[in-house]
């Protein structure tokens, strides 16, 4: 069978007045936090190697962002 011969299939899950088409999966929160932590660690390492005089400012900036997110 060719792909054009097959009809489009829509899975409808209804719950009273709510209707959703298919299911949308999201990544677990731990994986997202781990990925963000790795990106921050790599950025700090790169800055410490290329321009160490900016390291303290970058670390302060990251801490301020974390404090703003948590409040």
PDB file of N, CA and C in Angstrom:
ATOM      1  N   UNK A   1       0.830  -1.180   0.000  1.00  0.00           N
ATOM      2  CA  UNK A   1       0.000   0.000   0.000  1.00  0.00           C
ATOM      3  C   UNK A   1       0.872   1.240   0.000  1.00  0.00           C
ATOM      4  N   UNK A   2       0.490   2.186  -0.798  1.00  0.00           N
ATOM      5  CA  UNK A   2       1.215   3.445  -0.819  1.00  0.00           C
ATOM      6  C   UNK A   2       0.757   4.305   0.345  1.00  0.00           C
ATOM      7  N   UNK A   3       1.611   5.208   0.743  1.00  0.00           N
ATOM      8  CA  UNK A   3       1.260   6.100   1.846  1.00  0.00           C
ATOM      9  C   UNK A   3       0.060   6.971   1.488  1.00  0.00           C
ATOM     10  N   UNK A   4      -0.085   7.321   0.234  1.00  0.00           N
ATOM     11  CA  UNK A   4      -1.210   8.163  -0.181  1.00  0.00           C
ATOM     12  C   UNK A   4      -2.526   7.407  -0.154  1.00  0.00           C
ATOM     13  N   UNK A   5      -2.474   6.053  -0.194  1.00  0.00           N
ATOM     14  CA  UNK A   5      -3.694   5.252  -0.152  1.00  0.00           C
ATOM     15  C   UNK A   5      -4.263   5.132   1.259  1.00  0.00           C
ATOM     16  N   UNK A   6      -3.415   5.353   2.267  1.00  0.00           N
ATOM     17  CA  UNK A   6      -3.872   5.203   3.644  1.00  0.00           C
ATOM     18  C   UNK A   6      -4.540   6.486   4.127  1.00  0.00           C
ATOM     19  N   UNK A   7      -5.678   6.368   4.768  1.00  0.00           N
ATOM     20  CA  UNK A   7      -6.340   7.571   5.287  1.00  0.00           C
ATOM     21  C   UNK A   7      -5.619   8.089   6.541  1.00  0.00           C
ATOM     22  N   UNK A   8      -5.797   9.369   6.810  1.00  0.00           N
ATOM     23  CA  UNK A   8      -5.241   9.930   8.036  1.00  0.00           C
ATOM     24  C   UNK A   8      -6.071   9.442   9.210  1.00  0.00           C
ATOM     25  N   UNK A   9      -5.392   9.027  10.262  1.00  0.00           N
ATOM     26  CA  UNK A   9      -6.077   8.513  11.445  1.00  0.00           C
ATOM     27  C   UNK A   9      -5.911   9.523  12.562  1.00  0.00           C
ATOM     28  N   UNK A  10      -7.033   9.926  13.135  1.00  0.00           N
ATOM     29  CA  UNK A  10      -7.016  10.856  14.258  1.00  0.00           C
ATOM     30  C   UNK A  10      -7.594  10.126  15.456  1.00  0.00           C
ATOM     31  N   UNK A  11      -6.818  10.042  16.525  1.00  0.00           N
ATOM     32  CA  UNK A  11      -7.281   9.405  17.749  1.00  0.00           C
ATOM     33  C   UNK A  11      -7.872  10.489  18.628  1.00  0.00           C
ATOM     34  N   UNK A  12      -9.130  10.338  18.957  1.00  0.00           N
ATOM     35  CA  UNK A  12      -9.826  11.344  19.759  1.00  0.00           C
ATOM     36  C   UNK A  12     -10.110  10.748  21.131  1.00  0.00           C
ATOM     37  N   UNK A  13      -9.594  11.390  22.150  1.00  0.00           N
ATOM     38  CA  UNK A  13      -9.869  10.987  23.517  1.00  0.00           C
ATOM     39  C   UNK A  13     -10.770  12.045  24.142  1.00  0.00           C
ATOM     40  N   UNK A  14     -11.988  11.693  24.444  1.00  0.00           N
ATOM     41  CA  UNK A  14     -12.918  12.674  24.987  1.00  0.00           C
ATOM     42  C   UNK A  14     -13.165  12.441  26.470  1.00  0.00           C
ATOM     43  N   UNK A  15     -13.336  13.517  27.221  1.00  0.00           N
ATOM     44  CA  UNK A  15     -13.664  13.445  28.639  1.00  0.00           C
ATOM     45  C   UNK A  15     -14.671  14.552  28.913  1.00  0.00           C
ATOM     46  N   UNK A  16     -15.930  14.195  28.977  1.00  0.00           N
ATOM     47  CA  UNK A  16     -17.024  15.158  29.133  1.00  0.00           C
ATOM     48  C   UNK A  16     -16.953  16.209  28.033  1.00  0.00           C
ATOM     49  N   UNK A  17     -16.661  17.437  28.374  1.00  0.00           N
ATOM     50  CA  UNK A  17     -16.625  18.503  27.372  1.00  0.00           C
ATOM     51  C   UNK A  17     -15.227  18.746  26.815  1.00  0.00           C
ATOM     52  N   UNK A  18     -14.252  18.002  27.297  1.00  0.00           N
ATOM     53  CA  UNK A  18     -12.871  18.199  26.859  1.00  0.00           C
ATOM     54  C   UNK A  18     -12.519  17.169  25.794  1.00  0.00           C
ATOM     55  N   UNK A  19     -11.920  17.629  24.724  1.00  0.00           N
ATOM     56  CA  UNK A  19     -11.497  16.728  23.654  1.00  0.00           C
ATOM     57  C   UNK A  19     -10.040  17.009  23.350  1.00  0.00           C
ATOM     58  N   UNK A  20      -9.228  15.958  23.294  1.00  0.00           N
ATOM     59  CA  UNK A  20      -7.827  16.122  22.914  1.00  0.00           C
ATOM     60  C   UNK A  20      -7.533  15.178  21.761  1.00  0.00           C
ATOM     61  N   UNK A  21      -6.712  15.631  20.844  1.00  0.00           N
ATOM     62  CA  UNK A  21      -6.344  14.828  19.689  1.00  0.00           C
ATOM     63  C   UNK A  21      -4.984  14.207  19.947  1.00  0.00           C
ATOM     64  N   UNK A  22      -4.954  12.906  20.182  1.00  0.00           N
ATOM     65  CA  UNK A  22      -3.700  12.221  20.458  1.00  0.00           C
ATOM     66  C   UNK A  22      -3.175  12.605  21.828  1.00  0.00           C
ATOM     67  N   UNK A  23      -1.989  12.202  22.116  1.00  0.00           N
ATOM     68  CA  UNK A  23      -1.355  12.521  23.388  1.00  0.00           C
ATOM     69  C   UNK A  23      -0.039  13.226  23.144  1.00  0.00           C
ATOM     70  N   UNK A  24       0.200  14.272  23.863  1.00  0.00           N
ATOM     71  CA  UNK A  24       1.454  15.005  23.758  1.00  0.00           C
ATOM     72  C   UNK A  24       2.314  14.630  24.956  1.00  0.00           C
ATOM     73  N   UNK A  25       3.480  14.081  24.690  1.00  0.00           N
ATOM     74  CA  UNK A  25       4.357  13.681  25.782  1.00  0.00           C
ATOM     75  C   UNK A  25       5.363  14.775  26.053  1.00  0.00           C
ATOM     76  N   UNK A  26       5.752  14.899  27.300  1.00  0.00           N
ATOM     77  CA  UNK A  26       6.763  15.880  27.667  1.00  0.00           C
ATOM     78  C   UNK A  26       7.881  15.172  28.411  1.00  0.00           C
ATOM     79  N   UNK A  27       9.038  15.792  28.386  1.00  0.00           N
ATOM     80  CA  UNK A  27      10.180  15.205  29.071  1.00  0.00           C
ATOM     81  C   UNK A  27      10.009  15.330  30.576  1.00  0.00           C
ATOM     82  N   UNK A  28      10.494  14.361  31.302  1.00  0.00           N
ATOM     83  CA  UNK A  28      10.442  14.482  32.753  1.00  0.00           C
ATOM     84  C   UNK A  28      11.247  15.692  33.229  1.00  0.00           C
ATOM     85  N   UNK A  29      10.795  16.268  34.309  1.00  0.00           N
ATOM     86  CA  UNK A  29      11.411  17.479  34.836  1.00  0.00           C
ATOM     87  C   UNK A  29      12.888  17.262  35.169  1.00  0.00           C
ATOM     88  N   UNK A  30      13.244  16.091  35.665  1.00  0.00           N
ATOM     89  CA  UNK A  30      14.638  15.822  36.042  1.00  0.00           C
ATOM     90  C   UNK A  30      15.572  15.887  34.835  1.00  0.00           C
ATOM     91  N   UNK A  31      15.120  15.409  33.691  1.00  0.00           N
ATOM     92  CA  UNK A  31      15.956  15.435  32.487  1.00  0.00           C
ATOM     93  C   UNK A  31      16.178  16.870  32.028  1.00  0.00           C
ATOM     94  N   UNK A  32      15.135  17.696  32.095  1.00  0.00           N
ATOM     95  CA  UNK A  32      15.265  19.093  31.694  1.00  0.00           C
ATOM     96  C   UNK A  32      16.222  19.824  32.623  1.00  0.00           C
ATOM     97  N   UNK A  33      16.081  19.614  33.930  1.00  0.00           N
ATOM     98  CA  UNK A  33      16.969  20.256  34.903  1.00  0.00           C
ATOM     99  C   UNK A  33      18.409  19.804  34.702  1.00  0.00           C
ATOM    100  N   UNK A  34      18.607  18.529  34.430  1.00  0.00           N
ATOM    101  CA  UNK A  34      19.958  18.013  34.186  1.00  0.00           C
ATOM    102  C   UNK A  34      20.566  18.635  32.937  1.00  0.00           C
ATOM    103  N   UNK A  35      19.785  18.775  31.881  1.00  0.00           N
ATOM    104  CA  UNK A  35      20.296  19.372  30.642  1.00  0.00           C
ATOM    105  C   UNK A  35      20.670  20.835  30.857  1.00  0.00           C
ATOM    106  N   UNK A  36      19.840  21.577  31.574  1.00  0.00           N
ATOM    107  CA  UNK A  36      20.145  22.982  31.857  1.00  0.00           C
ATOM    108  C   UNK A  36      21.401  23.088  32.713  1.00  0.00           C
ATOM    109  N   UNK A  37      21.543  22.202  33.693  1.00  0.00           N
ATOM    110  CA  UNK A  37      22.734  22.212  34.552  1.00  0.00           C
ATOM    111  C   UNK A  37      24.003  21.934  33.749  1.00  0.00           C
ATOM    112  N   UNK A  38      23.917  21.017  32.808  1.00  0.00           N
ATOM    113  CA  UNK A  38      25.084  20.690  31.981  1.00  0.00           C
ATOM    114  C   UNK A  38      25.461  21.883  31.109  1.00  0.00           C
ATOM    115  N   UNK A  39      24.467  22.560  30.536  1.00  0.00           N
ATOM    116  CA  UNK A  39      24.744  23.732  29.701  1.00  0.00           C
ATOM    117  C   UNK A  39      25.408  24.829  30.543  1.00  0.00           C
ATOM    118  N   UNK A  40      24.909  25.054  31.757  1.00  0.00           N
ATOM    119  CA  UNK A  40      25.494  26.072  32.635  1.00  0.00           C
ATOM    120  C   UNK A  40      26.926  25.693  33.011  1.00  0.00           C
ATOM    121  N   UNK A  41      27.152  24.419  33.314  1.00  0.00           N
ATOM    122  CA  UNK A  41      28.503  23.977  33.683  1.00  0.00           C
ATOM    123  C   UNK A  41      29.482  24.153  32.530  1.00  0.00           C
ATOM    124  N   UNK A  42      29.052  23.829  31.322  1.00  0.00           N
ATOM    125  CA  UNK A  42      29.928  23.991  30.153  1.00  0.00           C
ATOM    126  C   UNK A  42      30.212  25.470  29.900  1.00  0.00           C
ATOM    127  N   UNK A  43      29.195  26.316  30.082  1.00  0.00           N
ATOM    128  CA  UNK A  43      29.400  27.759  29.888  1.00  0.00           C
ATOM    129  C   UNK A  43      30.392  28.306  30.909  1.00  0.00           C
ATOM    130  N   UNK A  44      30.274  27.893  32.164  1.00  0.00           N
ATOM    131  CA  UNK A  44      31.212  28.356  33.200  1.00  0.00           C
ATOM    132  C   UNK A  44      32.623  27.870  32.888  1.00  0.00           C
ATOM    133  N   UNK A  45      32.754  26.627  32.447  1.00  0.00           N
ATOM    134  CA  UNK A  45      34.079  26.098  32.105  1.00  0.00           C
ATOM    135  C   UNK A  45      34.685  26.860  30.930  1.00  0.00           C
ATOM    136  N   UNK A  46      33.896  27.122  29.909  1.00  0.00           N
ATOM    137  CA  UNK A  46      34.409  27.843  28.738  1.00  0.00           C
ATOM    138  C   UNK A  46      34.830  29.261  29.104  1.00  0.00           C
ATOM    139  N   UNK A  47      34.032  29.932  29.934  1.00  0.00           N
ATOM    140  CA  UNK A  47      34.374  31.299  30.331  1.00  0.00           C
ATOM    141  C   UNK A  47      35.613  31.312  31.216  1.00  0.00           C
ATOM    142  N   UNK A  48      35.729  30.314  32.097  1.00  0.00           N
ATOM    143  CA  UNK A  48      36.909  30.280  32.974  1.00  0.00           C
ATOM    144  C   UNK A  48      38.192  30.037  32.184  1.00  0.00           C
ATOM    145  N   UNK A  49      38.086  29.343  31.053  1.00  0.00           N
ATOM    146  CA  UNK A  49      39.275  29.090  30.244  1.00  0.00           C
ATOM    147  C   UNK A  49      39.638  30.273  29.350  1.00  0.00           C
ATOM    148  N   UNK A  50      38.613  30.933  28.772  1.00  0.00           N
ATOM    149  CA  UNK A  50      38.924  31.989  27.804  1.00  0.00           C
ATOM    150  C   UNK A  50      39.096  33.356  28.454  1.00  0.00           C
ATOM    151  N   UNK A  51      38.281  33.694  29.434  1.00  0.00           N
ATOM    152  CA  UNK A  51      38.405  35.014  30.069  1.00  0.00           C
ATOM    153  C   UNK A  51      38.047  34.912  31.558  1.00  0.00           C
ATOM    154  N   UNK A  52      38.998  34.507  32.366  1.00  0.00           N
ATOM    155  CA  UNK A  52      38.726  34.275  33.791  1.00  0.00           C
ATOM    156  C   UNK A  52      38.318  35.531  34.563  1.00  0.00           C
ATOM    157  N   UNK A  53      38.624  36.717  34.041  1.00  0.00           N
ATOM    158  CA  UNK A  53      38.240  37.935  34.765  1.00  0.00           C
ATOM    159  C   UNK A  53      36.726  38.145  34.751  1.00  0.00           C
ATOM    160  N   UNK A  54      36.002  37.516  33.818  1.00  0.00           N
ATOM    161  CA  UNK A  54      34.549  37.638  33.762  1.00  0.00           C
ATOM    162  C   UNK A  54      33.817  36.546  34.537  1.00  0.00           C
ATOM    163  N   UNK A  55      34.559  35.577  35.058  1.00  0.00           N
ATOM    164  CA  UNK A  55      33.945  34.417  35.693  1.00  0.00           C
ATOM    165  C   UNK A  55      33.067  34.807  36.880  1.00  0.00           C
ATOM    166  N   UNK A  56      33.536  35.680  37.738  1.00  0.00           N
ATOM    167  CA  UNK A  56      32.763  36.076  38.922  1.00  0.00           C
ATOM    168  C   UNK A  56      31.460  36.756  38.520  1.00  0.00           C
ATOM    169  N   UNK A  57      31.498  37.596  37.493  1.00  0.00           N
ATOM    170  CA  UNK A  57      30.285  38.274  37.036  1.00  0.00           C
ATOM    171  C   UNK A  57      29.270  37.285  36.459  1.00  0.00           C
ATOM    172  N   UNK A  58      29.746  36.318  35.698  1.00  0.00           N
ATOM    173  CA  UNK A  58      28.852  35.320  35.102  1.00  0.00           C
ATOM    174  C   UNK A  58      28.212  34.466  36.183  1.00  0.00           C
ATOM    175  N   UNK A  59      28.991  34.047  37.174  1.00  0.00           N
ATOM    176  CA  UNK A  59      28.446  33.226  38.257  1.00  0.00           C
ATOM    177  C   UNK A  59      27.397  34.017  39.035  1.00  0.00           C
ATOM    178  N   UNK A  60      27.669  35.296  39.318  1.00  0.00           N
ATOM    179  CA  UNK A  60      26.680  36.133  40.003  1.00  0.00           C
ATOM    180  C   UNK A  60      25.404  36.262  39.176  1.00  0.00           C
ATOM    181  N   UNK A  61      25.547  36.425  37.868  1.00  0.00           N
ATOM    182  CA  UNK A  61      24.406  36.559  36.974  1.00  0.00           C
ATOM    183  C   UNK A  61      23.553  35.283  36.987  1.00  0.00           C
ATOM    184  N   UNK A  62      24.200  34.114  36.946  1.00  0.00           N
ATOM    185  CA  UNK A  62      23.474  32.840  36.973  1.00  0.00           C
ATOM    186  C   UNK A  62      22.760  32.660  38.307  1.00  0.00           C
ATOM    187  N   UNK A  63      23.405  33.022  39.407  1.00  0.00           N
ATOM    188  CA  UNK A  63      22.769  32.910  40.721  1.00  0.00           C
ATOM    189  C   UNK A  63      21.550  33.826  40.806  1.00  0.00           C
ATOM    190  N   UNK A  64      21.660  35.042  40.278  1.00  0.00           N
ATOM    191  CA  UNK A  64      20.520  35.955  40.291  1.00  0.00           C
ATOM    192  C   UNK A  64      19.353  35.417  39.472  1.00  0.00           C
ATOM    193  N   UNK A  65      19.635  34.774  38.344  1.00  0.00           N
ATOM    194  CA  UNK A  65      18.578  34.175  37.530  1.00  0.00           C
ATOM    195  C   UNK A  65      17.903  33.053  38.308  1.00  0.00           C
ATOM    196  N   UNK A  66      18.688  32.227  38.986  1.00  0.00           N
ATOM    197  CA  UNK A  66      18.106  31.130  39.778  1.00  0.00           C
ATOM    198  C   UNK A  66      17.243  31.663  40.912  1.00  0.00           C
ATOM    199  N   UNK A  67      17.680  32.719  41.556  1.00  0.00           N
ATOM    200  CA  UNK A  67      16.887  33.317  42.627  1.00  0.00           C
ATOM    201  C   UNK A  67      15.589  33.893  42.085  1.00  0.00           C
ATOM    202  N   UNK A  68      15.630  34.503  40.909  1.00  0.00           N
ATOM    203  CA  UNK A  68      14.432  35.083  40.310  1.00  0.00           C
ATOM    204  C   UNK A  68      13.428  33.988  39.909  1.00  0.00           C
ATOM    205  N   UNK A  69      13.933  32.870  39.435  1.00  0.00           N
ATOM    206  CA  UNK A  69      13.051  31.761  39.038  1.00  0.00           C
ATOM    207  C   UNK A  69      12.367  31.159  40.266  1.00  0.00           C
ATOM    208  N   UNK A  70      13.098  31.033  41.364  1.00  0.00           N
ATOM    209  CA  UNK A  70      12.553  30.419  42.566  1.00  0.00           C
ATOM    210  C   UNK A  70      11.610  31.329  43.338  1.00  0.00           C
ATOM    211  N   UNK A  71      11.640  32.647  43.082  1.00  0.00           N
ATOM    212  CA  UNK A  71      10.735  33.525  43.840  1.00  0.00           C
ATOM    213  C   UNK A  71       9.423  33.749  43.157  1.00  0.00           C
TER     214      UNK A  71
END
